[in-house]
Amino acid sequence: AWILGITELSDLEYLSRERAHQ
């Protein structure tokens, strides 16, 4: 969702990981 185009899914994965961290 941010830089190249690889982040459409990476975005969700990243947010999911951040949530899981908490």
N, C-alpha and C. Protein backbone atom coordinates (compact mmCIF):
# COMPACT_ATOMS: atom_id res chain seq x y z
N ALA A 1 0.83 -1.20 0.00
CA ALA A 1 0.00 0.00 0.00
C ALA A 1 0.86 1.25 0.00
N TRP A 2 2.14 1.12 0.29
CA TRP A 2 2.93 2.36 0.30
C TRP A 2 3.88 2.53 -0.87
N ILE A 3 4.98 1.85 -0.92
CA ILE A 3 6.03 2.29 -1.85
C ILE A 3 5.92 1.63 -3.23
N LEU A 4 6.38 0.42 -3.36
CA LEU A 4 6.47 -0.17 -4.70
C LEU A 4 5.12 -0.68 -5.17
N GLY A 5 4.77 -1.89 -4.76
CA GLY A 5 3.50 -2.44 -5.21
C GLY A 5 3.36 -3.79 -4.53
N ILE A 6 4.47 -4.13 -3.87
CA ILE A 6 4.56 -5.39 -3.15
C ILE A 6 3.85 -5.30 -1.81
N THR A 7 3.42 -4.08 -1.49
CA THR A 7 2.97 -3.85 -0.12
C THR A 7 1.46 -3.98 0.04
N GLU A 8 0.75 -4.27 -1.03
CA GLU A 8 -0.70 -4.43 -0.90
C GLU A 8 -1.00 -5.47 0.18
N LEU A 9 -0.29 -6.59 0.12
CA LEU A 9 -0.49 -7.64 1.12
C LEU A 9 0.45 -7.45 2.30
N SER A 10 1.65 -6.99 2.02
CA SER A 10 2.62 -6.78 3.08
C SER A 10 2.07 -5.82 4.12
N ASP A 11 1.30 -4.86 3.66
CA ASP A 11 0.69 -3.89 4.56
C ASP A 11 -0.16 -4.61 5.60
N LEU A 12 -1.04 -5.47 5.13
CA LEU A 12 -1.91 -6.20 6.05
C LEU A 12 -1.10 -7.11 6.94
N GLU A 13 -0.08 -7.75 6.37
CA GLU A 13 0.76 -8.64 7.17
C GLU A 13 1.48 -7.86 8.25
N TYR A 14 1.99 -6.70 7.88
CA TYR A 14 2.73 -5.86 8.82
C TYR A 14 1.82 -5.41 9.95
N LEU A 15 0.63 -4.93 9.59
CA LEU A 15 -0.31 -4.48 10.61
C LEU A 15 -0.72 -5.65 11.50
N SER A 16 -0.93 -6.81 10.91
CA SER A 16 -1.30 -7.98 11.70
C SER A 16 -0.20 -8.33 12.68
N ARG A 17 1.04 -8.24 12.22
CA ARG A 17 2.17 -8.54 13.10
C ARG A 17 2.27 -7.52 14.23
N GLU A 18 2.08 -6.25 13.88
CA GLU A 18 2.13 -5.19 14.90
C GLU A 18 1.05 -5.43 15.94
N ARG A 19 -0.13 -5.80 15.50
CA ARG A 19 -1.22 -6.09 16.44
C ARG A 19 -0.89 -7.30 17.29
N ALA A 20 -0.30 -8.29 16.67
CA ALA A 20 0.06 -9.52 17.39
C ALA A 20 1.12 -9.22 18.43
N HIS A 21 2.00 -8.26 18.12
CA HIS A 21 3.05 -7.89 19.06
C HIS A 21 2.45 -7.36 20.35
N GLN A 22 1.38 -6.57 20.19
CA GLN A 22 0.70 -6.07 21.38
C GLN A 22 -0.15 -7.20 21.92
